[in-house]
Amino acid sequence: MAHPTSMRLSSVTERQLKDLAERYGNQTTALTVAIDRLWRDVMNSEVSAREYVGFDQTIRGGDTTEEELAACRAVGMVNGTGGLFECIDRYQERAPDGWRVTYTDATHDWHPAVPTFPNAASEPILLGFVRVHAEDPHYPIWIYKTKA
């Protein structure tokens, strides 16, 4: 639930907010986007895994190849609630040949440790999370290139 708030802004920040509000439609959306991006930047400095960020369509947290980025973009960022295996199947259908979409154990951690998959030819990339029920812990969803 949204709550009204007030803050003191410098004239420079007010001008910046006005410019962003014109781009994003209103001040609330502009602030939401700005805070989300700052939060992601700060949180990503603590990430142990490479993570695909669908909003920016980039992979953060380490070096990446064009092939990895193309595979992530084809599948898209994962954020959902529903049947885990149905979600995996749906995302796997989008994956390029030779790429596998899978999950690891449910967790409350937004920065899961990088798993090791025996048939992986690349380091896994975190695509996002799936919850079976809204109140459940989430399952990290990963993509990696398989060995030939």
C-alpha atoms as a PDB file:
ATOM      1  CA  MET A   1       0.000   0.000   0.000  1.00  0.00           C
ATOM      2  CA  ALA A   2       1.380   3.404  -0.975  1.00  0.00           C
ATOM      3  CA  HIS A   3       1.870   6.069   1.656  1.00  0.00           C
ATOM      4  CA  PRO A   4       2.253   9.804   1.086  1.00  0.00           C
ATOM      5  CA  THR A   5       5.621  11.201   2.069  1.00  0.00           C
ATOM      6  CA  SER A   6       7.459  14.478   2.001  1.00  0.00           C
ATOM      7  CA  MET A   7      11.111  15.321   1.552  1.00  0.00           C
ATOM      8  CA  ARG A   8      13.354  18.322   1.150  1.00  0.00           C
ATOM      9  CA  LEU A   9      14.979  18.577  -2.253  1.00  0.00           C
ATOM     10  CA  SER A  10      17.610  20.954  -3.538  1.00  0.00           C
ATOM     11  CA  SER A  11      16.756  23.038  -6.600  1.00  0.00           C
ATOM     12  CA  VAL A  12      19.051  20.829  -8.718  1.00  0.00           C
ATOM     13  CA  THR A  13      17.299  17.660  -7.508  1.00  0.00           C
ATOM     14  CA  GLU A  14      13.893  19.261  -8.113  1.00  0.00           C
ATOM     15  CA  ARG A  15      14.905  20.039 -11.698  1.00  0.00           C
ATOM     16  CA  GLN A  16      16.197  16.485 -12.175  1.00  0.00           C
ATOM     17  CA  LEU A  17      12.984  15.051 -10.760  1.00  0.00           C
ATOM     18  CA  LYS A  18      10.939  17.238 -13.095  1.00  0.00           C
ATOM     19  CA  ASP A  19      12.941  15.995 -16.109  1.00  0.00           C
ATOM     20  CA  LEU A  20      12.518  12.379 -15.012  1.00  0.00           C
ATOM     21  CA  ALA A  21       8.797  12.885 -14.338  1.00  0.00           C
ATOM     22  CA  GLU A  22       8.371  14.129 -17.917  1.00  0.00           C
ATOM     23  CA  ARG A  23      10.104  11.018 -19.201  1.00  0.00           C
ATOM     24  CA  TYR A  24       8.337   8.518 -16.906  1.00  0.00           C
ATOM     25  CA  GLY A  25       4.914  10.162 -16.699  1.00  0.00           C
ATOM     26  CA  ASN A  26       4.880  11.444 -13.101  1.00  0.00           C
ATOM     27  CA  GLN A  27       7.049  12.036 -10.040  1.00  0.00           C
ATOM     28  CA  THR A  28       5.995   8.844  -8.276  1.00  0.00           C
ATOM     29  CA  THR A  29       7.023   6.645 -11.197  1.00  0.00           C
ATOM     30  CA  ALA A  30      10.244   8.614 -11.692  1.00  0.00           C
ATOM     31  CA  LEU A  31      11.197   8.197  -8.031  1.00  0.00           C
ATOM     32  CA  THR A  32      10.232   4.529  -8.067  1.00  0.00           C
ATOM     33  CA  VAL A  33      12.462   3.866 -11.081  1.00  0.00           C
ATOM     34  CA  ALA A  34      15.331   5.929  -9.651  1.00  0.00           C
ATOM     35  CA  ILE A  35      15.207   4.186  -6.271  1.00  0.00           C
ATOM     36  CA  ASP A  36      14.911   0.766  -7.914  1.00  0.00           C
ATOM     37  CA  ARG A  37      18.004   1.419 -10.051  1.00  0.00           C
ATOM     38  CA  LEU A  38      20.005   2.699  -7.089  1.00  0.00           C
ATOM     39  CA  TRP A  39      18.873  -0.274  -5.002  1.00  0.00           C
ATOM     40  CA  ARG A  40      19.906  -2.690  -7.779  1.00  0.00           C
ATOM     41  CA  ASP A  41      23.315  -1.012  -8.106  1.00  0.00           C
ATOM     42  CA  VAL A  42      23.937  -1.216  -4.364  1.00  0.00           C
ATOM     43  CA  MET A  43      22.601  -4.753  -4.035  1.00  0.00           C
ATOM     44  CA  ASN A  44      24.488  -5.927  -7.113  1.00  0.00           C
ATOM     45  CA  SER A  45      27.724  -4.873  -5.486  1.00  0.00           C
ATOM     46  CA  GLU A  46      26.987  -7.691  -3.008  1.00  0.00           C
ATOM     47  CA  VAL A  47      25.869 -10.265  -5.584  1.00  0.00           C
ATOM     48  CA  SER A  48      27.838 -13.485  -5.729  1.00  0.00           C
ATOM     49  CA  ALA A  49      26.232 -14.532  -9.030  1.00  0.00           C
ATOM     50  CA  ARG A  50      25.965 -12.961 -12.422  1.00  0.00           C
ATOM     51  CA  GLU A  51      22.391 -11.796 -12.843  1.00  0.00           C
ATOM     52  CA  TYR A  52      20.341 -10.922 -15.910  1.00  0.00           C
ATOM     53  CA  VAL A  53      18.438  -7.690 -15.400  1.00  0.00           C
ATOM     54  CA  GLY A  54      15.562  -7.662 -17.850  1.00  0.00           C
ATOM     55  CA  PHE A  55      14.703  -4.005 -17.296  1.00  0.00           C
ATOM     56  CA  ASP A  56      18.146  -2.977 -18.586  1.00  0.00           C
ATOM     57  CA  GLN A  57      18.639  -6.166 -20.634  1.00  0.00           C
ATOM     58  CA  THR A  58      22.151  -6.577 -19.256  1.00  0.00           C
ATOM     59  CA  ILE A  59      24.035  -9.107 -17.186  1.00  0.00           C
ATOM     60  CA  ARG A  60      25.505  -7.685 -13.991  1.00  0.00           C
ATOM     61  CA  GLY A  61      28.080  -9.120 -11.652  1.00  0.00           C
ATOM     62  CA  GLY A  62      30.875 -10.136 -14.007  1.00  0.00           C
ATOM     63  CA  ASP A  63      32.140 -10.525 -17.532  1.00  0.00           C
ATOM     64  CA  THR A  64      29.723 -11.836 -20.114  1.00  0.00           C
ATOM     65  CA  THR A  65      29.745 -12.906 -23.730  1.00  0.00           C
ATOM     66  CA  GLU A  66      27.401 -11.829 -26.503  1.00  0.00           C
ATOM     67  CA  GLU A  67      26.126 -15.423 -26.668  1.00  0.00           C
ATOM     68  CA  GLU A  68      25.222 -15.387 -22.956  1.00  0.00           C
ATOM     69  CA  LEU A  69      23.488 -12.042 -23.289  1.00  0.00           C
ATOM     70  CA  ALA A  70      21.544 -13.246 -26.349  1.00  0.00           C
ATOM     71  CA  ALA A  71      20.412 -16.388 -24.474  1.00  0.00           C
ATOM     72  CA  CYS A  72      19.252 -14.346 -21.481  1.00  0.00           C
ATOM     73  CA  ARG A  73      17.410 -11.875 -23.690  1.00  0.00           C
ATOM     74  CA  ALA A  74      15.682 -14.736 -25.525  1.00  0.00           C
ATOM     75  CA  VAL A  75      14.399 -16.243 -22.276  1.00  0.00           C
ATOM     76  CA  GLY A  76      13.778 -12.959 -20.452  1.00  0.00           C
ATOM     77  CA  MET A  77      13.839 -12.016 -16.792  1.00  0.00           C
ATOM     78  CA  VAL A  78      11.956 -14.428 -14.544  1.00  0.00           C
ATOM     79  CA  ASN A  79       9.651 -13.136 -11.834  1.00  0.00           C
ATOM     80  CA  GLY A  80       6.543 -15.105 -11.223  1.00  0.00           C
ATOM     81  CA  THR A  81       4.233 -17.117  -9.068  1.00  0.00           C
ATOM     82  CA  GLY A  82       2.925 -20.440 -10.277  1.00  0.00           C
ATOM     83  CA  GLY A  83       3.794 -24.031 -10.840  1.00  0.00           C
ATOM     84  CA  LEU A  84       7.577 -24.329 -10.742  1.00  0.00           C
ATOM     85  CA  PHE A  85       7.892 -26.987 -13.429  1.00  0.00           C
ATOM     86  CA  GLU A  86       5.370 -25.255 -15.691  1.00  0.00           C
ATOM     87  CA  CYS A  87       7.381 -22.038 -15.370  1.00  0.00           C
ATOM     88  CA  ILE A  88      10.646 -23.857 -16.111  1.00  0.00           C
ATOM     89  CA  ASP A  89       9.098 -25.501 -19.190  1.00  0.00           C
ATOM     90  CA  ARG A  90       7.734 -22.176 -20.437  1.00  0.00           C
ATOM     91  CA  TYR A  91      11.110 -20.451 -20.093  1.00  0.00           C
ATOM     92  CA  GLN A  92      13.016 -23.420 -21.512  1.00  0.00           C
ATOM     93  CA  GLU A  93      10.920 -23.173 -24.699  1.00  0.00           C
ATOM     94  CA  ARG A  94      12.398 -19.700 -25.263  1.00  0.00           C
ATOM     95  CA  ALA A  95      16.006 -20.761 -24.646  1.00  0.00           C
ATOM     96  CA  PRO A  96      18.326 -21.173 -27.639  1.00  0.00           C
ATOM     97  CA  ASP A  97      19.531 -24.674 -28.512  1.00  0.00           C
ATOM     98  CA  GLY A  98      22.270 -25.807 -26.152  1.00  0.00           C
ATOM     99  CA  TRP A  99      21.023 -23.694 -23.224  1.00  0.00           C
ATOM    100  CA  ARG A 100      19.297 -25.024 -20.117  1.00  0.00           C
ATOM    101  CA  VAL A 101      16.900 -23.209 -17.785  1.00  0.00           C
ATOM    102  CA  THR A 102      16.677 -24.753 -14.326  1.00  0.00           C
ATOM    103  CA  TYR A 103      16.213 -23.947 -10.641  1.00  0.00           C
ATOM    104  CA  THR A 104      17.895 -24.443  -7.282  1.00  0.00           C
ATOM    105  CA  ASP A 105      16.456 -24.967  -3.798  1.00  0.00           C
ATOM    106  CA  ALA A 106      13.909 -22.477  -2.488  1.00  0.00           C
ATOM    107  CA  THR A 107      15.367 -19.670  -0.405  1.00  0.00           C
ATOM    108  CA  HIS A 108      14.543 -16.314   1.148  1.00  0.00           C
ATOM    109  CA  ASP A 109      17.908 -14.956  -0.047  1.00  0.00           C
ATOM    110  CA  TRP A 110      17.819 -12.534  -2.994  1.00  0.00           C
ATOM    111  CA  HIS A 111      21.517 -13.212  -3.648  1.00  0.00           C
ATOM    112  CA  PRO A 112      21.884 -16.993  -3.837  1.00  0.00           C
ATOM    113  CA  ALA A 113      25.244 -18.676  -4.134  1.00  0.00           C
ATOM    114  CA  VAL A 114      26.245 -19.757  -7.623  1.00  0.00           C
ATOM    115  CA  PRO A 115      25.358 -23.433  -8.082  1.00  0.00           C
ATOM    116  CA  THR A 116      27.441 -26.015  -9.890  1.00  0.00           C
ATOM    117  CA  PHE A 117      25.708 -27.998 -12.608  1.00  0.00           C
ATOM    118  CA  PRO A 118      27.609 -31.097 -13.818  1.00  0.00           C
ATOM    119  CA  ASN A 119      26.727 -30.588 -17.490  1.00  0.00           C
ATOM    120  CA  ALA A 120      27.388 -26.828 -17.575  1.00  0.00           C
ATOM    121  CA  ALA A 121      29.784 -25.396 -20.129  1.00  0.00           C
ATOM    122  CA  SER A 122      29.340 -21.896 -18.724  1.00  0.00           C
ATOM    123  CA  GLU A 123      28.852 -20.264 -15.348  1.00  0.00           C
ATOM    124  CA  PRO A 124      25.127 -20.081 -14.533  1.00  0.00           C
ATOM    125  CA  ILE A 125      23.352 -16.742 -14.793  1.00  0.00           C
ATOM    126  CA  LEU A 126      20.505 -15.873 -12.425  1.00  0.00           C
ATOM    127  CA  LEU A 127      17.371 -15.039 -14.423  1.00  0.00           C
ATOM    128  CA  GLY A 128      15.107 -14.332 -11.461  1.00  0.00           C
ATOM    129  CA  PHE A 129      12.787 -16.163  -9.105  1.00  0.00           C
ATOM    130  CA  VAL A 130       9.578 -18.198  -9.069  1.00  0.00           C
ATOM    131  CA  ARG A 131       7.286 -18.752  -6.106  1.00  0.00           C
ATOM    132  CA  VAL A 132       4.737 -21.526  -6.049  1.00  0.00           C
ATOM    133  CA  HIS A 133       2.542 -19.520  -3.641  1.00  0.00           C
ATOM    134  CA  ALA A 134       2.907 -15.826  -2.862  1.00  0.00           C
ATOM    135  CA  GLU A 135       3.847 -16.463   0.788  1.00  0.00           C
ATOM    136  CA  ASP A 136       6.437 -19.179  -0.031  1.00  0.00           C
ATOM    137  CA  PRO A 137      10.184 -18.766  -0.345  1.00  0.00           C
ATOM    138  CA  HIS A 138      11.291 -18.325  -3.940  1.00  0.00           C
ATOM    139  CA  TYR A 139      13.195 -20.650  -6.266  1.00  0.00           C
ATOM    140  CA  PRO A 140      16.182 -19.077  -8.031  1.00  0.00           C
ATOM    141  CA  ILE A 141      15.971 -19.659 -11.800  1.00  0.00           C
ATOM    142  CA  TRP A 142      19.236 -20.088 -13.730  1.00  0.00           C
ATOM    143  CA  ILE A 143      20.375 -20.415 -17.308  1.00  0.00           C
ATOM    144  CA  TYR A 144      23.618 -21.981 -18.513  1.00  0.00           C
ATOM    145  CA  LYS A 145      25.123 -23.381 -21.683  1.00  0.00           C
ATOM    146  CA  THR A 146      25.295 -27.160 -21.732  1.00  0.00           C
ATOM    147  CA  LYS A 147      28.291 -29.237 -22.740  1.00  0.00           C
ATOM    148  CA  ALA A 148      28.114 -30.595 -26.288  1.00  0.00           C
END
